[in-house]
């Protein structure tokens, strides 16, 4: 079987998605299943739909196209605020988009009007994390402008937390979001379809708060795929944390010194490496590197140590393990490693447990193989 590869257990993903959907639905919160970490993989998207999540969100229009062409039946949300150059493709491919620039909303309005369609807008508001979002003082005016436009519908407001600035979703910022939603509804006599309170980082807030306020939507990716909340990466009870596994192959295995010898300058990435002399070492090279995956996000399942990486290789201290050439080494992945490995065209994707929906044109590199 080809390496490097990432093995995807669709049953575990579906289990996690269904359990999270039921958990949040018990208090009136629906979910967008975020597919960006899996590069819009149609088999994974199908597992989310099978678990009852009918709206999928991605930050790349290309991934939405990929899922649509594979026959995924869902509503599609563009997560990343679109740029002007994307406006036409956003109207064509996405049902909803998150927006923070009114000039782009104007373009979406003009294109939607021309195409005799309605594109839904969720206005993002800045509540401390300092990534995307209108400042709260701008939100009412922005909502009024969207309300006046043809071709677009103000479907809701949302915020993003714990992504760029690491700001925790908590009582103060979530109550502020609820208050802003109420202000808009009172002023314009509307009922917002979505008040999107955040992402997988909202788990602790949800399980500890007595009142979720007006929040009725979350955008979940990592907690579905890796079974963890994202503030401290603690496992969520009842969820699988091993739905994904990275497999790499040993391509060299030798006893070598532990410290490079000769004059030391920069490595391939402009760093000046430092090594401790630990004597002769059982060293193995794996056929995967920084071009394929965020190496620091990998945890080996054997008692070995990753001591470094180049573009095409991971170098490990085999310790007491016998890592003969051709042996497959398994790794657990964090979110960064998952994102990079799923995006890399050099990492084979193998899905375990065929989804129930029918894909029209699955990517040939992503063969759906049955497994136990």
Protein backbone atom coordinates (compact mmCIF):
# COMPACT_ATOMS: atom_id res chain seq x y z
CA UNK A 1 0.00 0.00 0.00
CA UNK A 2 1.30 3.44 -0.92
CA UNK A 3 3.03 5.67 1.62
CA UNK A 4 2.90 8.26 2.92
CA UNK A 5 -0.82 7.98 3.46
CA UNK A 6 -3.45 9.20 5.85
CA UNK A 7 -6.09 6.69 6.92
CA UNK A 8 -9.54 8.10 7.61
CA UNK A 9 -12.07 6.17 9.69
CA UNK A 10 -15.44 7.42 8.46
CA UNK A 11 -17.41 5.58 11.15
CA UNK A 12 -15.50 7.37 13.90
CA UNK A 13 -16.00 10.73 12.20
CA UNK A 14 -19.71 10.05 11.80
CA UNK A 15 -19.95 8.96 15.45
CA UNK A 16 -18.27 12.16 16.63
CA UNK A 17 -20.40 14.34 14.37
CA UNK A 18 -23.66 12.73 15.45
CA UNK A 19 -22.81 12.93 19.15
CA UNK A 20 -21.81 16.58 18.92
CA UNK A 21 -24.90 17.43 16.86
CA UNK A 22 -27.13 15.85 19.52
CA UNK A 23 -25.20 17.46 22.38
CA UNK A 24 -25.58 21.00 21.03
CA UNK A 25 -29.09 20.48 19.66
CA UNK A 26 -30.30 19.71 23.18
CA UNK A 27 -29.89 23.43 23.89
CA UNK A 28 -31.03 24.77 20.54
CA UNK A 29 -27.66 25.08 18.78
CA UNK A 30 -27.21 23.79 15.24
CA UNK A 31 -23.91 23.02 13.55
CA UNK A 32 -22.01 23.85 10.39
CA UNK A 33 -19.66 20.96 9.66
CA UNK A 34 -16.32 22.54 8.73
CA UNK A 35 -14.51 20.69 5.94
CA UNK A 36 -11.45 22.89 5.42
CA UNK A 37 -9.11 20.68 7.49
CA UNK A 38 -9.91 17.77 5.17
CA UNK A 39 -9.63 19.85 1.99
CA UNK A 40 -13.29 19.28 1.15
CA UNK A 41 -12.76 15.50 1.04
CA UNK A 42 -16.06 14.16 -0.37
CA UNK A 43 -16.01 10.95 1.68
CA UNK A 44 -15.61 12.91 4.92
CA UNK A 45 -18.27 15.38 3.81
CA UNK A 46 -20.60 12.45 3.16
CA UNK A 47 -19.95 11.10 6.66
CA UNK A 48 -20.96 14.46 8.13
CA UNK A 49 -24.16 14.53 6.10
CA UNK A 50 -24.92 10.95 7.09
CA UNK A 51 -24.56 12.05 10.73
CA UNK A 52 -27.31 14.64 10.24
CA UNK A 53 -25.26 17.76 9.58
CA UNK A 54 -26.92 19.34 6.55
CA UNK A 55 -24.74 22.46 6.22
CA UNK A 56 -21.03 22.26 5.37
CA UNK A 57 -18.60 25.15 5.66
CA UNK A 58 -15.24 25.63 4.02
CA UNK A 59 -12.79 28.48 3.59
CA UNK A 60 -11.96 27.63 -0.03
CA UNK A 61 -14.41 27.92 -2.92
CA UNK A 62 -12.47 25.14 -4.68
CA UNK A 63 -13.35 22.72 -1.89
CA UNK A 64 -17.03 23.62 -2.14
CA UNK A 65 -16.87 22.94 -5.89
CA UNK A 66 -15.19 19.61 -5.18
CA UNK A 67 -17.95 18.53 -2.81
CA UNK A 68 -20.73 19.68 -5.13
CA UNK A 69 -19.21 17.84 -8.09
CA UNK A 70 -18.96 14.69 -5.95
CA UNK A 71 -22.71 14.82 -5.41
CA UNK A 72 -22.77 15.96 -1.79
CA UNK A 73 -26.27 17.22 -0.99
CA UNK A 74 -25.91 19.99 1.58
CA UNK A 75 -26.05 23.72 2.03
CA UNK A 76 -22.61 25.27 1.60
CA UNK A 77 -21.05 28.13 3.54
CA UNK A 78 -17.90 30.03 2.62
CA UNK A 79 -16.11 30.56 5.93
CA UNK A 80 -13.37 32.97 4.93
CA UNK A 81 -14.58 36.46 4.07
CA UNK A 82 -14.45 36.59 0.27
CA UNK A 83 -12.28 38.99 -1.66
CA UNK A 84 -13.66 41.01 -4.58
CA UNK A 85 -12.06 38.67 -7.12
CA UNK A 86 -14.07 35.76 -5.70
CA UNK A 87 -17.48 37.40 -5.64
CA UNK A 88 -18.89 35.74 -8.74
CA UNK A 89 -17.73 32.24 -7.78
CA UNK A 90 -19.04 32.73 -4.24
CA UNK A 91 -22.54 33.54 -5.49
CA UNK A 92 -22.39 30.61 -7.90
CA UNK A 93 -21.08 27.97 -5.47
CA UNK A 94 -21.97 28.99 -1.89
CA UNK A 95 -25.41 29.43 -0.39
CA UNK A 96 -24.08 31.54 2.50
CA UNK A 97 -20.89 33.50 3.12
CA UNK A 98 -19.36 35.12 6.18
CA UNK A 99 -18.54 38.76 5.47
CA UNK A 100 -16.77 41.65 7.15
CA UNK A 101 -16.30 44.11 4.25
CA UNK A 102 -19.34 45.95 2.93
CA UNK A 103 -17.74 46.70 -0.43
CA UNK A 104 -17.65 42.94 -1.05
CA UNK A 105 -21.28 42.61 0.06
CA UNK A 106 -22.12 45.25 -2.55
CA UNK A 107 -20.47 43.08 -5.22
CA UNK A 108 -22.28 39.97 -4.01
CA UNK A 109 -25.53 41.93 -4.17
CA UNK A 110 -24.93 43.11 -7.73
CA UNK A 111 -23.98 39.64 -8.98
CA UNK A 112 -26.86 37.92 -7.20
CA UNK A 113 -29.32 40.47 -8.59
CA UNK A 114 -27.96 39.90 -12.09
CA UNK A 115 -28.34 36.13 -11.67
CA UNK A 116 -31.85 36.45 -10.15
CA UNK A 117 -30.82 34.61 -6.99
CA UNK A 118 -30.49 35.35 -3.28
CA UNK A 119 -27.19 34.94 -1.45
CA UNK A 120 -27.29 34.78 2.34
CA UNK A 121 -24.92 36.98 4.37
CA UNK A 122 -23.63 36.40 7.89
CA UNK A 123 -21.93 39.56 9.15
CA UNK A 124 -18.90 38.83 11.30
CA UNK A 125 -18.29 41.01 14.35
CA UNK A 126 -14.99 41.54 16.16
CA UNK A 127 -15.14 40.54 19.83
CA UNK A 128 -11.48 40.42 20.79
CA UNK A 129 -9.63 37.76 18.80
CA UNK A 130 -8.60 40.35 16.18
CA UNK A 131 -8.99 38.32 13.06
CA UNK A 132 -11.98 39.13 10.83
CA UNK A 133 -15.01 41.14 11.87
CA UNK A 134 -16.70 44.52 11.95
CA UNK A 135 -16.24 46.48 15.15
CA UNK A 136 -19.41 46.27 17.29
CA UNK A 137 -20.06 49.99 16.84
CA UNK A 138 -20.23 49.45 13.06
CA UNK A 139 -22.56 46.48 13.08
CA UNK A 140 -25.99 48.16 13.11
CA UNK A 141 -25.04 50.45 10.25
CA UNK A 142 -23.66 47.51 8.31
CA UNK A 143 -26.79 45.47 8.92
CA UNK A 144 -28.92 48.34 7.66
CA UNK A 145 -26.86 48.55 4.48
CA UNK A 146 -27.25 44.82 3.82
CA UNK A 147 -30.98 45.07 4.47
CA UNK A 148 -31.30 47.70 1.71
CA UNK A 149 -29.50 45.60 -0.89
CA UNK A 150 -31.15 43.46 -3.53
CA UNK A 151 -29.92 39.93 -4.14
CA UNK A 152 -28.62 39.37 -0.61
CA UNK A 153 -30.30 38.48 2.65
CA UNK A 154 -29.01 39.26 6.12
CA UNK A 155 -29.17 35.72 7.52
CA UNK A 156 -27.27 36.33 10.72
CA UNK A 157 -24.23 37.54 12.60
CA UNK A 158 -21.26 35.65 13.95
CA UNK A 159 -17.93 35.96 15.68
CA UNK A 160 -14.65 34.14 15.62
CA UNK A 161 -12.69 33.42 18.79
CA UNK A 162 -9.64 31.36 19.83
CA UNK A 163 -8.16 31.19 16.32
CA UNK A 164 -5.70 34.07 15.87
CA UNK A 165 -5.52 35.74 19.26
CA UNK A 166 -6.44 32.70 21.36
CA UNK A 167 -9.23 34.66 23.07
CA UNK A 168 -11.50 32.33 25.02
CA UNK A 169 -15.23 32.25 24.26
CA UNK A 170 -16.81 33.17 27.57
CA UNK A 171 -19.67 34.88 29.33
CA UNK A 172 -18.75 38.46 28.40
CA UNK A 173 -18.06 38.14 24.66
CA UNK A 174 -20.86 35.64 24.00
CA UNK A 175 -23.39 37.79 25.87
CA UNK A 176 -22.19 40.74 23.77
CA UNK A 177 -22.92 38.76 20.61
CA UNK A 178 -26.40 37.91 21.86
CA UNK A 179 -27.03 41.54 22.72
CA UNK A 180 -25.98 42.67 19.24
CA UNK A 181 -28.29 40.09 17.67
CA UNK A 182 -31.21 41.39 19.73
CA UNK A 183 -30.41 45.00 18.75
CA UNK A 184 -30.51 44.12 15.07
CA UNK A 185 -33.73 42.14 15.40
CA UNK A 186 -35.44 44.92 17.36
CA UNK A 187 -34.29 47.70 15.05
CA UNK A 188 -35.20 46.02 11.77
CA UNK A 189 -38.07 43.79 12.87
CA UNK A 190 -36.35 40.62 11.65
CA UNK A 191 -35.47 37.24 13.11
CA UNK A 192 -31.86 36.29 12.42
CA UNK A 193 -31.55 32.73 11.16
CA UNK A 194 -28.02 32.35 12.52
CA UNK A 195 -26.26 33.73 15.56
CA UNK A 196 -22.98 31.92 15.15
CA UNK A 197 -21.06 31.94 18.42
CA UNK A 198 -17.81 30.36 17.34
CA UNK A 199 -16.18 27.01 16.79
CA UNK A 200 -14.76 23.94 18.53
CA UNK A 201 -13.30 26.26 21.19
CA UNK A 202 -16.83 26.92 22.49
CA UNK A 203 -17.17 23.49 24.12
CA UNK A 204 -16.12 24.62 27.62
CA UNK A 205 -18.40 27.66 27.41
CA UNK A 206 -21.32 25.49 26.31
CA UNK A 207 -20.89 22.89 29.05
CA UNK A 208 -20.49 25.47 31.82
CA UNK A 209 -22.95 28.23 30.93
CA UNK A 210 -26.48 28.28 32.26
CA UNK A 211 -27.79 30.33 29.34
CA UNK A 212 -26.60 30.14 25.73
CA UNK A 213 -28.45 33.38 24.96
CA UNK A 214 -29.24 33.98 21.30
CA UNK A 215 -26.43 31.73 20.06
CA UNK A 216 -27.97 29.05 17.84
CA UNK A 217 -25.04 28.00 15.67
CA UNK A 218 -21.44 26.80 15.96
CA UNK A 219 -18.92 25.95 13.23
CA UNK A 220 -17.19 22.68 14.15
CA UNK A 221 -14.20 21.00 12.56
CA UNK A 222 -11.48 19.92 14.98
CA UNK A 223 -13.81 18.58 17.68
CA UNK A 224 -15.48 16.37 15.06
CA UNK A 225 -12.26 15.11 13.49
CA UNK A 226 -9.98 14.84 16.52
CA UNK A 227 -12.52 14.55 19.34
CA UNK A 228 -11.06 17.44 21.35
CA UNK A 229 -11.98 20.91 22.49
CA UNK A 230 -9.46 23.43 21.23
CA UNK A 231 -8.60 25.65 24.17
CA UNK A 232 -6.48 23.04 25.96
CA UNK A 233 -6.88 20.11 23.52
CA UNK A 234 -8.59 17.92 26.07
CA UNK A 235 -10.57 14.91 24.78
CA UNK A 236 -14.35 15.32 24.74
CA UNK A 237 -16.05 12.44 26.61
CA UNK A 238 -17.54 9.82 24.32
CA UNK A 239 -15.67 10.91 21.19
CA UNK A 240 -12.94 9.20 19.20
CA UNK A 241 -9.58 11.00 19.07
CA UNK A 242 -8.04 8.63 16.51
CA UNK A 243 -10.24 8.97 13.42
CA UNK A 244 -7.13 9.93 11.42
CA UNK A 245 -3.79 8.14 11.26
CA UNK A 246 -0.69 9.11 9.27
CA UNK A 247 1.46 6.27 7.98
CA UNK A 248 5.04 6.74 6.75
CA UNK A 249 7.62 4.23 5.55
CA UNK A 250 11.19 3.66 6.69
CA UNK A 251 13.48 4.25 3.69
CA UNK A 252 16.84 4.07 5.51
CA UNK A 253 17.88 2.48 8.80
CA UNK A 254 21.46 2.75 10.08
CA UNK A 255 23.60 3.33 13.14
CA UNK A 256 25.07 6.82 12.81
CA UNK A 257 26.51 9.52 15.07
CA UNK A 258 23.90 11.59 16.89
CA UNK A 259 25.68 14.88 16.15
CA UNK A 260 26.52 16.15 12.66
CA UNK A 261 30.25 16.61 12.06
CA UNK A 262 32.05 19.25 10.04
CA UNK A 263 31.56 23.01 9.87
CA UNK A 264 27.93 23.94 10.72
CA UNK A 265 26.12 26.71 8.78
CA UNK A 266 22.47 27.10 7.83
CA UNK A 267 20.20 24.18 7.04
CA UNK A 268 17.83 24.07 4.06
CA UNK A 269 15.37 26.41 5.79
CA UNK A 270 17.83 29.06 6.97
CA UNK A 271 18.20 27.79 10.53
CA UNK A 272 21.46 27.02 12.29
CA UNK A 273 20.74 23.66 13.95
CA UNK A 274 22.13 22.59 17.30
CA UNK A 275 22.54 18.98 18.37
CA UNK A 276 23.64 17.23 21.54
CA UNK A 277 26.17 14.43 21.22
CA UNK A 278 24.42 11.31 22.48
CA UNK A 279 26.83 8.85 20.92
CA UNK A 280 25.95 6.32 18.21
CA UNK A 281 22.24 6.26 17.44
CA UNK A 282 19.85 3.90 15.66
CA UNK A 283 18.63 6.41 13.11
CA UNK A 284 15.86 5.90 10.57
CA UNK A 285 14.72 8.06 7.69
CA UNK A 286 11.04 8.17 6.82
CA UNK A 287 9.77 9.01 3.35
CA UNK A 288 7.79 12.08 4.33
CA UNK A 289 8.87 15.61 5.20
CA UNK A 290 8.02 19.24 5.69
CA UNK A 291 6.62 19.53 2.18
CA UNK A 292 3.96 17.00 3.17
CA UNK A 293 3.03 17.68 6.79
CA UNK A 294 3.60 19.93 9.80
CA UNK A 295 6.06 17.56 11.43
CA UNK A 296 5.87 19.08 14.90
CA UNK A 297 2.19 18.11 14.96
CA UNK A 298 2.94 14.39 14.74
CA UNK A 299 3.09 11.95 17.66
CA UNK A 300 4.56 8.51 16.88
CA UNK A 301 2.66 5.49 18.17
CA UNK A 302 5.95 3.64 18.78
CA UNK A 303 8.53 4.52 21.43
CA UNK A 304 10.69 6.50 19.02
CA UNK A 305 11.69 10.16 18.87
CA UNK A 306 11.37 12.56 15.96
CA UNK A 307 14.66 14.46 16.02
CA UNK A 308 14.22 16.58 12.90
CA UNK A 309 12.96 16.91 9.37
CA UNK A 310 13.87 18.25 5.95
CA UNK A 311 11.66 18.85 2.92
CA UNK A 312 11.39 15.15 2.09
CA UNK A 313 12.48 13.24 5.21
CA UNK A 314 11.69 12.81 8.88
CA UNK A 315 14.65 11.66 10.94
CA UNK A 316 13.92 9.56 14.00
CA UNK A 317 15.86 8.02 16.87
CA UNK A 318 14.67 4.43 16.75
CA UNK A 319 15.75 3.79 20.36
CA UNK A 320 15.10 0.09 21.03
CA UNK A 321 12.72 -0.40 18.10
CA UNK A 322 13.84 -2.42 15.08
CA UNK A 323 12.96 -0.10 12.20
CA UNK A 324 13.94 -2.10 9.15
CA UNK A 325 13.58 -0.59 5.68
CA UNK A 326 9.97 -0.90 4.51
CA UNK A 327 8.44 -0.86 8.00
CA UNK A 328 5.40 1.39 8.32
CA UNK A 329 5.37 3.90 11.19
CA UNK A 330 2.05 5.27 12.45
CA UNK A 331 1.51 8.77 13.82
CA UNK A 332 -1.32 10.60 15.54
CA UNK A 333 -1.92 14.12 14.21
CA UNK A 334 -2.83 17.45 15.73
CA UNK A 335 -4.97 19.93 13.79
CA UNK A 336 -2.05 21.58 11.99
CA UNK A 337 -0.64 18.24 10.89
CA UNK A 338 -4.08 17.05 9.76
CA UNK A 339 -4.66 20.21 7.74
CA UNK A 340 -1.29 20.02 5.99
CA UNK A 341 -1.37 16.27 5.30
CA UNK A 342 -4.89 16.42 3.88
CA UNK A 343 -3.91 19.35 1.66
CA UNK A 344 -0.70 17.74 0.38
CA UNK A 345 -1.07 16.03 -3.03
CA UNK A 346 1.85 13.77 -2.05
CA UNK A 347 -0.01 12.10 0.83
CA UNK A 348 -2.34 9.28 -0.25
CA UNK A 349 -5.81 9.39 1.33
CA UNK A 350 -7.40 6.08 2.29
CA UNK A 351 -10.93 6.04 3.67
CA UNK A 352 -12.16 3.19 5.84
CA UNK A 353 -15.89 2.31 5.76
CA UNK A 354 -17.63 3.43 2.61
CA UNK A 355 -20.13 6.32 3.05
CA UNK A 356 -23.76 5.59 2.20
CA UNK A 357 -24.11 8.39 -0.35
CA UNK A 358 -22.93 7.96 -3.96
CA UNK A 359 -20.05 10.09 -5.18
CA UNK A 360 -20.26 11.02 -8.85
CA UNK A 361 -16.62 11.86 -9.51
CA UNK A 362 -14.36 10.96 -6.58
CA UNK A 363 -10.77 12.14 -6.89
CA UNK A 364 -8.75 9.18 -8.27
CA UNK A 365 -6.08 9.60 -5.60
CA UNK A 366 -8.71 9.17 -2.88
CA UNK A 367 -9.88 5.65 -3.47
CA UNK A 368 -12.53 4.53 -1.01
CA UNK A 369 -11.25 1.22 0.32
CA UNK A 370 -13.19 -1.01 2.65
CA UNK A 371 -11.54 -1.86 5.94
CA UNK A 372 -12.35 -3.41 9.27
